[in-house]
Amino acid sequence: MIKVTEDLIKHLEELAKVGTSEEERKKLAESIQEILDYMKLLDEVDVSNVEIMYTPIENSAPLRKDEVRRFPPKKIIENFPEKEKNQAKVPPILG
């Protein structure tokens, strides 16, 4: 079983790019340790006779047929918040 240490919490802080106080680190370590202890408890459950389930939803939503729908360009441009010379104006993506 993994033992949650202060070094582990600091490593997780670095990975997540967050900083915590000493008190928050202590609470976080306790919470993570509780989760890991619970996972250890779940390891003891016998699931050898349980059928593998790929999704909890038996009947997923039916998929609709793909249909090509044509829209007149003028109608599309009318819905843009900004237009310029009968063209849709979008914010620049490069610097």
C-alpha atoms as a PDB file:
ATOM      1  CA  MET A   1       0.000   0.000   0.000  1.00  0.00           C
ATOM      2  CA  ILE A   2       1.236   3.469  -0.850  1.00  0.00           C
ATOM      3  CA  LYS A   3       2.026   5.641   2.134  1.00  0.00           C
ATOM      4  CA  VAL A   4       1.202   9.291   1.505  1.00  0.00           C
ATOM      5  CA  THR A   5       4.154  11.392   2.599  1.00  0.00           C
ATOM      6  CA  GLU A   6       4.886  15.087   2.535  1.00  0.00           C
ATOM      7  CA  ASP A   7       7.322  14.469  -0.335  1.00  0.00           C
ATOM      8  CA  LEU A   8       4.553  12.815  -2.352  1.00  0.00           C
ATOM      9  CA  ILE A   9       2.226  15.751  -1.710  1.00  0.00           C
ATOM     10  CA  LYS A  10       4.939  18.213  -2.782  1.00  0.00           C
ATOM     11  CA  HIS A  11       5.535  16.163  -5.928  1.00  0.00           C
ATOM     12  CA  LEU A  12       1.809  16.223  -6.709  1.00  0.00           C
ATOM     13  CA  GLU A  13       1.819  20.005  -6.158  1.00  0.00           C
ATOM     14  CA  GLU A  14       4.580  20.360  -8.733  1.00  0.00           C
ATOM     15  CA  LEU A  15       2.752  18.172 -11.241  1.00  0.00           C
ATOM     16  CA  ALA A  16      -0.498  20.094 -10.742  1.00  0.00           C
ATOM     17  CA  LYS A  17       1.303  23.459 -10.697  1.00  0.00           C
ATOM     18  CA  VAL A  18      -0.393  24.453  -7.440  1.00  0.00           C
ATOM     19  CA  GLY A  19       0.882  25.557  -4.095  1.00  0.00           C
ATOM     20  CA  THR A  20      -0.567  24.725  -0.709  1.00  0.00           C
ATOM     21  CA  SER A  21       0.042  25.757   2.856  1.00  0.00           C
ATOM     22  CA  GLU A  22       1.375  23.368   5.475  1.00  0.00           C
ATOM     23  CA  GLU A  23      -2.138  22.909   6.889  1.00  0.00           C
ATOM     24  CA  GLU A  24      -3.600  22.214   3.430  1.00  0.00           C
ATOM     25  CA  ARG A  25      -0.835  19.696   2.746  1.00  0.00           C
ATOM     26  CA  LYS A  26      -1.711  17.851   5.952  1.00  0.00           C
ATOM     27  CA  LYS A  27      -5.436  17.724   5.081  1.00  0.00           C
ATOM     28  CA  LEU A  28      -4.662  16.669   1.522  1.00  0.00           C
ATOM     29  CA  ALA A  29      -2.370  13.872   2.710  1.00  0.00           C
ATOM     30  CA  GLU A  30      -5.067  12.591   5.068  1.00  0.00           C
ATOM     31  CA  SER A  31      -7.727  12.709   2.340  1.00  0.00           C
ATOM     32  CA  ILE A  32      -5.567  10.911  -0.207  1.00  0.00           C
ATOM     33  CA  GLN A  33      -4.602   8.282   2.384  1.00  0.00           C
ATOM     34  CA  GLU A  34      -8.292   7.679   3.176  1.00  0.00           C
ATOM     35  CA  ILE A  35      -9.020   7.170  -0.533  1.00  0.00           C
ATOM     36  CA  LEU A  36      -6.131   4.735  -0.908  1.00  0.00           C
ATOM     37  CA  ASP A  37      -7.213   2.844   2.221  1.00  0.00           C
ATOM     38  CA  TYR A  38     -10.709   2.519   0.755  1.00  0.00           C
ATOM     39  CA  MET A  39      -9.238   1.204  -2.504  1.00  0.00           C
ATOM     40  CA  LYS A  40      -7.375  -1.404  -0.461  1.00  0.00           C
ATOM     41  CA  LEU A  41     -10.701  -2.437   1.069  1.00  0.00           C
ATOM     42  CA  LEU A  42     -12.225  -2.788  -2.416  1.00  0.00           C
ATOM     43  CA  ASP A  43      -9.334  -5.062  -3.428  1.00  0.00           C
ATOM     44  CA  GLU A  44     -10.663  -7.613  -0.937  1.00  0.00           C
ATOM     45  CA  VAL A  45     -14.043  -7.909  -2.690  1.00  0.00           C
ATOM     46  CA  ASP A  46     -14.438 -11.130  -4.683  1.00  0.00           C
ATOM     47  CA  VAL A  47     -15.500 -10.158  -8.203  1.00  0.00           C
ATOM     48  CA  SER A  48     -14.514 -13.386  -9.939  1.00  0.00           C
ATOM     49  CA  ASN A  49     -18.138 -14.203 -10.819  1.00  0.00           C
ATOM     50  CA  VAL A  50     -19.071 -10.690 -11.938  1.00  0.00           C
ATOM     51  CA  GLU A  51     -19.527 -10.170 -15.655  1.00  0.00           C
ATOM     52  CA  ILE A  52     -17.289  -7.509 -17.177  1.00  0.00           C
ATOM     53  CA  MET A  53     -19.184  -4.308 -17.922  1.00  0.00           C
ATOM     54  CA  TYR A  54     -17.912  -1.804 -20.435  1.00  0.00           C
ATOM     55  CA  THR A  55     -20.554   0.807 -19.748  1.00  0.00           C
ATOM     56  CA  PRO A  56     -23.156   1.125 -16.998  1.00  0.00           C
ATOM     57  CA  ILE A  57     -25.786   2.095 -19.585  1.00  0.00           C
ATOM     58  CA  GLU A  58     -27.361  -0.921 -21.238  1.00  0.00           C
ATOM     59  CA  ASN A  59     -29.147   0.861 -24.070  1.00  0.00           C
ATOM     60  CA  SER A  60     -27.294   3.940 -25.156  1.00  0.00           C
ATOM     61  CA  ALA A  61     -29.052   6.757 -26.977  1.00  0.00           C
ATOM     62  CA  PRO A  62     -29.812   5.909 -30.598  1.00  0.00           C
ATOM     63  CA  LEU A  63     -27.551   7.578 -33.119  1.00  0.00           C
ATOM     64  CA  ARG A  64     -29.141   9.792 -35.709  1.00  0.00           C
ATOM     65  CA  LYS A  65     -28.386   9.359 -39.366  1.00  0.00           C
ATOM     66  CA  ASP A  66     -25.775  11.753 -40.700  1.00  0.00           C
ATOM     67  CA  GLU A  67     -27.368  14.039 -43.205  1.00  0.00           C
ATOM     68  CA  VAL A  68     -25.757  16.793 -45.214  1.00  0.00           C
ATOM     69  CA  ARG A  69     -27.644  20.018 -44.631  1.00  0.00           C
ATOM     70  CA  ARG A  70     -26.898  22.984 -46.830  1.00  0.00           C
ATOM     71  CA  PHE A  71     -27.168  26.503 -45.535  1.00  0.00           C
ATOM     72  CA  PRO A  72     -26.933  29.567 -47.717  1.00  0.00           C
ATOM     73  CA  PRO A  73     -23.711  31.465 -46.878  1.00  0.00           C
ATOM     74  CA  LYS A  74     -25.670  34.686 -46.490  1.00  0.00           C
ATOM     75  CA  LYS A  75     -27.791  33.122 -43.728  1.00  0.00           C
ATOM     76  CA  ILE A  76     -24.696  31.878 -41.882  1.00  0.00           C
ATOM     77  CA  ILE A  77     -23.018  35.294 -42.034  1.00  0.00           C
ATOM     78  CA  GLU A  78     -26.183  36.952 -40.710  1.00  0.00           C
ATOM     79  CA  ASN A  79     -25.755  34.994 -37.463  1.00  0.00           C
ATOM     80  CA  PHE A  80     -22.177  36.152 -36.819  1.00  0.00           C
ATOM     81  CA  PRO A  81     -21.766  38.925 -34.246  1.00  0.00           C
ATOM     82  CA  GLU A  82     -19.270  40.755 -36.477  1.00  0.00           C
ATOM     83  CA  LYS A  83     -19.313  41.061 -40.244  1.00  0.00           C
ATOM     84  CA  GLU A  84     -17.129  42.910 -42.715  1.00  0.00           C
ATOM     85  CA  LYS A  85     -17.798  43.295 -46.451  1.00  0.00           C
ATOM     86  CA  ASN A  86     -20.313  40.436 -46.519  1.00  0.00           C
ATOM     87  CA  GLN A  87     -17.868  38.095 -44.723  1.00  0.00           C
ATOM     88  CA  ALA A  88     -17.864  36.761 -41.181  1.00  0.00           C
ATOM     89  CA  LYS A  89     -15.243  38.458 -39.016  1.00  0.00           C
ATOM     90  CA  VAL A  90     -13.495  36.271 -36.450  1.00  0.00           C
ATOM     91  CA  PRO A  91     -10.774  37.091 -33.919  1.00  0.00           C
ATOM     92  CA  PRO A  92      -7.188  36.519 -35.091  1.00  0.00           C
ATOM     93  CA  ILE A  93      -5.535  33.319 -33.855  1.00  0.00           C
ATOM     94  CA  LEU A  94      -1.939  34.383 -34.312  1.00  0.00           C
ATOM     95  CA  GLY A  95      -0.315  37.018 -32.078  1.00  0.00           C
END
